[in-house]
Amino acid sequence: EKDKSEITRLKADVDKAWSSLVRWAKTTYAETFRAWMHLKAIRVFVESVLRYGLPPTFQAMLVKPGRNEDKCRKILGDLYAHLGAGMEQGGEEAPAAAGTAKFYPYVDIDVKLSGSVGEQ
């Protein structure tokens, strides 16, 4: 009987700790996501300045191409082809330096949102 009461007490402690953890996670998710997006924005700024120089004259935008990623990249490549010195026409990806990501005439930073609300 002593073991049962101990197990019951421990289960209650676990439930209390779990509910506190869930409450904490829900309240800090938005702040964490906002900070992550801010870091992505800083990265866009820094890469744009490093690639295109000062003064920083660029337009940052989010694009969600869905299933039309190739078509979207081609259109963006054609639109910004004048920025990609040494790249082939049509926005085709250029050979990047060893160990680096793909290179486009525009700054491309992926934002992976797997497991987000509303995603199927």
Foldseek 3Di string as FASTA:
>chain_A
DVVVVVVVVVVVVVVVVVVVVVVVCVVCVVVVVVVVVVVVVVVLQVVQCVLVNPPRDDDDDDDDCDPCVVVVQQVVLQVQVVQDPPDDHRQDWDDDPPPDDTDTSHDDDDDDDPPDPPDD
